[in-house]
Amino acid sequence: MRASVLWAALSFYCALAMAQTMRDPTRPPPGLGGMQASAVQAPASGPVLQSVILSPSRHAAIISGRLVERGAYYGDALLVEVAQDRVVLRTGAGTQVLKLYPGTEKRRPGEVRDAP
């Protein structure tokens, strides 16, 4: 009896020693590791367009957490235009365009992007 228990324990420990760790199925492939320093963007220093609200009766935007209607002021800037992907603010110094997705640009299908 004692020999069979020892044999079973030895077999168990041998199986543990030979076992391989399982790969995490949710882990990205090796080539896609963590984000690189160049991919991290610095936080914006000015106003940030977070959302636009377009309806037949209302044109508004959420700028840096504040709801601003078209024709209303955000600080000293007047909200003059609200589009699907951008808004235009006008100040005494000129105009400022805030884009909803600042890192993207619209292209035609099949158009090749210029290399950086």
N, C-alpha and C. Protein backbone atom coordinates (compact mmCIF):
# COMPACT_ATOMS: atom_id res chain seq x y z
N MET A 1 0.83 -1.19 0.00
CA MET A 1 0.00 0.00 0.00
C MET A 1 0.87 1.25 0.00
N ARG A 2 1.88 1.20 0.88
CA ARG A 2 2.76 2.36 1.00
C ARG A 2 3.53 2.58 -0.31
N ALA A 3 3.96 1.52 -0.93
CA ALA A 3 4.70 1.61 -2.19
C ALA A 3 3.81 2.18 -3.30
N SER A 4 2.55 1.79 -3.32
CA SER A 4 1.65 2.31 -4.36
C SER A 4 1.37 3.80 -4.17
N VAL A 5 1.29 4.25 -2.92
CA VAL A 5 1.09 5.68 -2.66
C VAL A 5 2.32 6.46 -3.10
N LEU A 6 3.51 5.93 -2.78
CA LEU A 6 4.75 6.59 -3.20
C LEU A 6 4.86 6.63 -4.72
N TRP A 7 4.49 5.53 -5.36
CA TRP A 7 4.53 5.46 -6.82
C TRP A 7 3.56 6.47 -7.44
N ALA A 8 2.38 6.60 -6.90
CA ALA A 8 1.40 7.56 -7.41
C ALA A 8 1.89 8.99 -7.20
N ALA A 9 2.47 9.27 -6.04
CA ALA A 9 2.99 10.61 -5.76
C ALA A 9 4.15 10.94 -6.70
N LEU A 10 5.04 9.97 -6.93
CA LEU A 10 6.16 10.19 -7.83
C LEU A 10 5.67 10.45 -9.25
N SER A 11 4.69 9.70 -9.69
CA SER A 11 4.12 9.90 -11.03
C SER A 11 3.49 11.28 -11.15
N PHE A 12 2.81 11.71 -10.11
CA PHE A 12 2.16 13.02 -10.10
C PHE A 12 3.21 14.13 -10.21
N TYR A 13 4.28 14.03 -9.43
CA TYR A 13 5.32 15.06 -9.46
C TYR A 13 6.07 15.08 -10.79
N CYS A 14 6.26 13.92 -11.40
CA CYS A 14 6.90 13.87 -12.72
C CYS A 14 6.02 14.54 -13.77
N ALA A 15 4.73 14.30 -13.68
CA ALA A 15 3.81 14.93 -14.62
C ALA A 15 3.82 16.45 -14.45
N LEU A 16 3.89 16.92 -13.20
CA LEU A 16 3.97 18.36 -12.96
C LEU A 16 5.25 18.96 -13.53
N ALA A 17 6.35 18.25 -13.39
CA ALA A 17 7.63 18.75 -13.88
C ALA A 17 7.64 18.86 -15.40
N MET A 18 6.94 17.98 -16.08
CA MET A 18 6.94 17.98 -17.54
C MET A 18 5.82 18.84 -18.13
N ALA A 19 4.93 19.31 -17.32
CA ALA A 19 3.80 20.09 -17.82
C ALA A 19 4.28 21.43 -18.38
N GLN A 20 3.64 21.86 -19.45
CA GLN A 20 3.96 23.16 -20.04
C GLN A 20 2.91 24.17 -19.60
N THR A 21 3.33 25.40 -19.49
CA THR A 21 2.35 26.42 -19.14
C THR A 21 1.46 26.67 -20.35
N MET A 22 0.20 26.93 -20.10
CA MET A 22 -0.74 27.18 -21.18
C MET A 22 -0.63 28.64 -21.62
N ARG A 23 -0.74 28.87 -22.91
CA ARG A 23 -0.70 30.21 -23.47
C ARG A 23 -2.03 30.89 -23.22
N ASP A 24 -1.97 32.14 -22.80
CA ASP A 24 -3.18 32.92 -22.55
C ASP A 24 -3.82 33.27 -23.89
N PRO A 25 -5.06 32.81 -24.18
CA PRO A 25 -5.67 33.08 -25.48
C PRO A 25 -6.03 34.55 -25.69
N THR A 26 -6.08 35.34 -24.63
CA THR A 26 -6.43 36.76 -24.79
C THR A 26 -5.19 37.65 -24.94
N ARG A 27 -4.03 37.07 -24.84
CA ARG A 27 -2.79 37.84 -24.95
C ARG A 27 -2.49 38.13 -26.42
N PRO A 28 -2.04 39.36 -26.76
CA PRO A 28 -1.76 39.68 -28.16
C PRO A 28 -0.57 38.88 -28.68
N PRO A 29 -0.47 38.72 -29.99
CA PRO A 29 0.66 38.00 -30.57
C PRO A 29 1.98 38.67 -30.20
N PRO A 30 3.09 37.95 -30.24
CA PRO A 30 4.37 38.51 -29.82
C PRO A 30 4.77 39.79 -30.54
N GLY A 31 4.45 39.94 -31.80
CA GLY A 31 4.83 41.14 -32.55
C GLY A 31 4.03 42.37 -32.18
N LEU A 32 2.92 42.19 -31.50
CA LEU A 32 2.07 43.33 -31.16
C LEU A 32 2.19 43.74 -29.72
N GLY A 33 3.22 43.39 -29.03
CA GLY A 33 3.44 43.69 -27.61
C GLY A 33 2.75 44.94 -27.11
N GLY A 34 3.33 45.59 -26.13
CA GLY A 34 2.76 46.80 -25.56
C GLY A 34 2.87 47.98 -26.51
N MET A 35 2.24 49.07 -26.14
CA MET A 35 2.28 50.27 -26.97
C MET A 35 3.69 50.85 -26.94
N GLN A 36 4.12 51.37 -28.07
CA GLN A 36 5.42 52.01 -28.14
C GLN A 36 5.29 53.46 -27.72
N ALA A 37 6.39 54.05 -27.34
CA ALA A 37 6.38 55.44 -26.88
C ALA A 37 5.88 56.39 -27.96
N SER A 38 6.14 56.09 -29.23
CA SER A 38 5.70 56.98 -30.31
C SER A 38 4.19 56.94 -30.49
N ALA A 39 3.54 55.86 -30.06
CA ALA A 39 2.10 55.74 -30.23
C ALA A 39 1.32 56.48 -29.15
N VAL A 40 1.97 56.84 -28.06
CA VAL A 40 1.30 57.53 -26.97
C VAL A 40 1.28 59.02 -27.27
N GLN A 41 0.09 59.61 -27.23
CA GLN A 41 -0.04 61.03 -27.52
C GLN A 41 -0.07 61.81 -26.23
N ALA A 42 0.49 62.99 -26.28
CA ALA A 42 0.44 63.87 -25.12
C ALA A 42 -0.97 64.43 -24.98
N PRO A 43 -1.42 64.70 -23.77
CA PRO A 43 -2.75 65.26 -23.60
C PRO A 43 -2.85 66.62 -24.27
N ALA A 44 -4.02 66.91 -24.81
CA ALA A 44 -4.24 68.17 -25.51
C ALA A 44 -4.18 69.33 -24.53
N SER A 45 -3.60 70.44 -24.99
CA SER A 45 -3.45 71.59 -24.09
C SER A 45 -4.65 72.54 -24.18
N GLY A 46 -5.38 72.52 -25.28
CA GLY A 46 -6.51 73.42 -25.45
C GLY A 46 -7.83 72.69 -25.31
N PRO A 47 -8.89 73.29 -25.83
CA PRO A 47 -10.21 72.64 -25.77
C PRO A 47 -10.23 71.36 -26.60
N VAL A 48 -10.98 70.37 -26.12
CA VAL A 48 -11.07 69.07 -26.79
C VAL A 48 -12.53 68.81 -27.15
N LEU A 49 -12.77 68.52 -28.42
CA LEU A 49 -14.12 68.16 -28.87
C LEU A 49 -14.37 66.71 -28.51
N GLN A 50 -15.40 66.46 -27.69
CA GLN A 50 -15.70 65.11 -27.24
C GLN A 50 -16.90 64.50 -27.94
N SER A 51 -17.86 65.34 -28.36
CA SER A 51 -19.06 64.83 -29.00
C SER A 51 -19.77 65.95 -29.73
N VAL A 52 -20.54 65.59 -30.75
CA VAL A 52 -21.40 66.57 -31.42
C VAL A 52 -22.83 66.08 -31.35
N ILE A 53 -23.75 67.03 -31.29
CA ILE A 53 -25.18 66.72 -31.24
C ILE A 53 -25.82 67.44 -32.42
N LEU A 54 -26.32 66.66 -33.38
CA LEU A 54 -26.96 67.23 -34.56
C LEU A 54 -28.37 66.68 -34.68
N SER A 55 -29.33 67.58 -34.71
CA SER A 55 -30.73 67.20 -34.93
C SER A 55 -31.38 68.35 -35.67
N PRO A 56 -32.60 68.16 -36.18
CA PRO A 56 -33.26 69.26 -36.88
C PRO A 56 -33.44 70.51 -36.01
N SER A 57 -33.57 70.33 -34.72
CA SER A 57 -33.82 71.48 -33.85
C SER A 57 -32.61 71.89 -33.01
N ARG A 58 -31.52 71.15 -33.10
CA ARG A 58 -30.41 71.44 -32.19
C ARG A 58 -29.06 71.12 -32.83
N HIS A 59 -28.14 72.06 -32.71
CA HIS A 59 -26.75 71.87 -33.11
C HIS A 59 -25.90 72.26 -31.91
N ALA A 60 -25.22 71.29 -31.34
CA ALA A 60 -24.44 71.56 -30.14
C ALA A 60 -23.21 70.65 -30.13
N ALA A 61 -22.32 70.94 -29.21
CA ALA A 61 -21.10 70.14 -29.06
C ALA A 61 -20.74 70.05 -27.59
N ILE A 62 -20.08 68.96 -27.24
CA ILE A 62 -19.52 68.84 -25.90
C ILE A 62 -18.03 69.09 -26.06
N ILE A 63 -17.59 70.21 -25.50
CA ILE A 63 -16.20 70.63 -25.60
C ILE A 63 -15.60 70.61 -24.20
N SER A 64 -14.61 69.77 -24.02
CA SER A 64 -13.93 69.62 -22.72
C SER A 64 -14.93 69.44 -21.58
N GLY A 65 -15.97 68.63 -21.84
CA GLY A 65 -16.93 68.31 -20.79
C GLY A 65 -18.08 69.29 -20.65
N ARG A 66 -18.11 70.36 -21.44
CA ARG A 66 -19.18 71.36 -21.36
C ARG A 66 -20.05 71.33 -22.59
N LEU A 67 -21.37 71.35 -22.41
CA LEU A 67 -22.31 71.41 -23.53
C LEU A 67 -22.38 72.84 -24.03
N VAL A 68 -22.11 73.03 -25.32
CA VAL A 68 -22.12 74.36 -25.93
C VAL A 68 -23.03 74.32 -27.15
N GLU A 69 -24.07 75.15 -27.16
CA GLU A 69 -24.99 75.25 -28.30
C GLU A 69 -24.36 76.12 -29.39
N ARG A 70 -24.77 75.91 -30.65
CA ARG A 70 -24.30 76.78 -31.73
C ARG A 70 -24.78 78.20 -31.45
N GLY A 71 -23.87 79.16 -31.55
CA GLY A 71 -24.20 80.55 -31.25
C GLY A 71 -23.87 80.94 -29.82
N ALA A 72 -23.48 79.97 -29.00
CA ALA A 72 -23.12 80.26 -27.60
C ALA A 72 -21.59 80.34 -27.49
N TYR A 73 -21.15 80.84 -26.36
CA TYR A 73 -19.71 81.01 -26.13
C TYR A 73 -19.14 79.87 -25.30
N TYR A 74 -17.93 79.48 -25.68
CA TYR A 74 -17.11 78.58 -24.87
C TYR A 74 -15.90 79.43 -24.46
N GLY A 75 -15.92 79.91 -23.24
CA GLY A 75 -14.90 80.87 -22.83
C GLY A 75 -15.10 82.15 -23.61
N ASP A 76 -14.07 82.60 -24.32
CA ASP A 76 -14.20 83.79 -25.16
C ASP A 76 -14.38 83.45 -26.63
N ALA A 77 -14.61 82.18 -26.94
CA ALA A 77 -14.79 81.73 -28.32
C ALA A 77 -16.26 81.43 -28.60
N LEU A 78 -16.72 81.90 -29.76
CA LEU A 78 -18.10 81.68 -30.20
C LEU A 78 -18.16 80.42 -31.05
N LEU A 79 -19.09 79.52 -30.74
CA LEU A 79 -19.29 78.31 -31.54
C LEU A 79 -20.11 78.69 -32.76
N VAL A 80 -19.48 78.71 -33.95
CA VAL A 80 -20.16 79.19 -35.16
C VAL A 80 -20.59 78.07 -36.09
N GLU A 81 -19.97 76.89 -36.02
CA GLU A 81 -20.33 75.81 -36.93
C GLU A 81 -20.21 74.47 -36.21
N VAL A 82 -21.20 73.59 -36.44
CA VAL A 82 -21.17 72.24 -35.89
C VAL A 82 -21.39 71.28 -37.05
N ALA A 83 -20.43 70.40 -37.29
CA ALA A 83 -20.53 69.39 -38.34
C ALA A 83 -20.42 68.01 -37.68
N GLN A 84 -20.54 66.96 -38.49
CA GLN A 84 -20.50 65.60 -37.95
C GLN A 84 -19.18 65.27 -37.27
N ASP A 85 -18.08 65.80 -37.79
CA ASP A 85 -16.77 65.42 -37.27
C ASP A 85 -15.93 66.59 -36.77
N ARG A 86 -16.50 67.80 -36.74
CA ARG A 86 -15.73 68.95 -36.29
C ARG A 86 -16.64 70.10 -35.90
N VAL A 87 -16.06 71.05 -35.18
CA VAL A 87 -16.74 72.31 -34.86
C VAL A 87 -15.76 73.45 -35.12
N VAL A 88 -16.33 74.64 -35.31
CA VAL A 88 -15.50 75.82 -35.54
C VAL A 88 -15.80 76.83 -34.45
N LEU A 89 -14.73 77.27 -33.77
CA LEU A 89 -14.83 78.30 -32.75
C LEU A 89 -14.20 79.57 -33.30
N ARG A 90 -14.85 80.73 -33.07
CA ARG A 90 -14.31 82.00 -33.54
C ARG A 90 -14.00 82.88 -32.35
N THR A 91 -12.78 83.42 -32.35
CA THR A 91 -12.37 84.39 -31.33
C THR A 91 -11.94 85.66 -32.04
N GLY A 92 -11.56 86.68 -31.27
CA GLY A 92 -11.06 87.91 -31.86
C GLY A 92 -9.77 87.69 -32.63
N ALA A 93 -9.02 86.66 -32.26
CA ALA A 93 -7.74 86.36 -32.91
C ALA A 93 -7.89 85.52 -34.17
N GLY A 94 -9.04 84.94 -34.41
CA GLY A 94 -9.24 84.09 -35.59
C GLY A 94 -10.17 82.93 -35.28
N THR A 95 -10.08 81.90 -36.11
CA THR A 95 -10.93 80.72 -35.92
C THR A 95 -10.09 79.52 -35.51
N GLN A 96 -10.74 78.60 -34.82
CA GLN A 96 -10.09 77.36 -34.40
C GLN A 96 -11.03 76.22 -34.74
N VAL A 97 -10.51 75.22 -35.44
CA VAL A 97 -11.28 74.04 -35.81
C VAL A 97 -10.92 72.92 -34.84
N LEU A 98 -11.92 72.37 -34.18
CA LEU A 98 -11.73 71.22 -33.29
C LEU A 98 -12.29 70.00 -34.00
N LYS A 99 -11.47 68.98 -34.16
CA LYS A 99 -11.91 67.75 -34.82
C LYS A 99 -12.28 66.70 -33.79
N LEU A 100 -13.30 65.92 -34.11
CA LEU A 100 -13.74 64.85 -33.22
C LEU A 100 -12.69 63.75 -33.16
N TYR A 101 -12.07 63.45 -34.29
CA TYR A 101 -11.01 62.44 -34.37
C TYR A 101 -9.78 63.11 -34.97
N PRO A 102 -8.98 63.80 -34.16
CA PRO A 102 -7.89 64.61 -34.71
C PRO A 102 -6.79 63.83 -35.41
N GLY A 103 -6.59 62.58 -35.10
CA GLY A 103 -5.51 61.81 -35.72
C GLY A 103 -5.88 61.13 -37.02
N THR A 104 -7.07 61.38 -37.55
CA THR A 104 -7.51 60.69 -38.76
C THR A 104 -7.74 61.68 -39.88
N GLU A 105 -7.65 61.18 -41.10
CA GLU A 105 -7.96 62.00 -42.26
C GLU A 105 -8.77 61.16 -43.24
N LYS A 106 -9.68 61.80 -43.94
CA LYS A 106 -10.55 61.10 -44.86
C LYS A 106 -9.83 60.91 -46.20
N ARG A 107 -9.91 59.68 -46.74
CA ARG A 107 -9.30 59.36 -48.02
C ARG A 107 -10.30 58.61 -48.88
N ARG A 108 -10.05 58.61 -50.17
CA ARG A 108 -10.87 57.83 -51.08
C ARG A 108 -10.42 56.37 -51.03
N PRO A 109 -11.31 55.42 -51.31
CA PRO A 109 -10.91 54.01 -51.31
C PRO A 109 -9.77 53.77 -52.31
N GLY A 110 -8.77 53.04 -51.89
CA GLY A 110 -7.64 52.72 -52.75
C GLY A 110 -6.55 53.77 -52.76
N GLU A 111 -6.80 54.92 -52.15
CA GLU A 111 -5.80 55.98 -52.11
C GLU A 111 -4.70 55.60 -51.11
N VAL A 112 -3.46 55.76 -51.53
CA VAL A 112 -2.33 55.38 -50.70
C VAL A 112 -1.89 56.58 -49.88
N ARG A 113 -1.64 56.33 -48.60
CA ARG A 113 -1.19 57.39 -47.70
C ARG A 113 0.30 57.65 -47.91
N ASP A 114 0.71 58.91 -47.85
CA ASP A 114 2.12 59.26 -47.98
C ASP A 114 2.89 58.70 -46.80
N ALA A 115 4.10 58.25 -47.06
CA ALA A 115 4.94 57.72 -45.98
C ALA A 115 5.41 58.85 -45.08
N PRO A 116 5.49 58.61 -43.76
CA PRO A 116 5.92 59.68 -42.85
C PRO A 116 7.39 59.98 -42.98
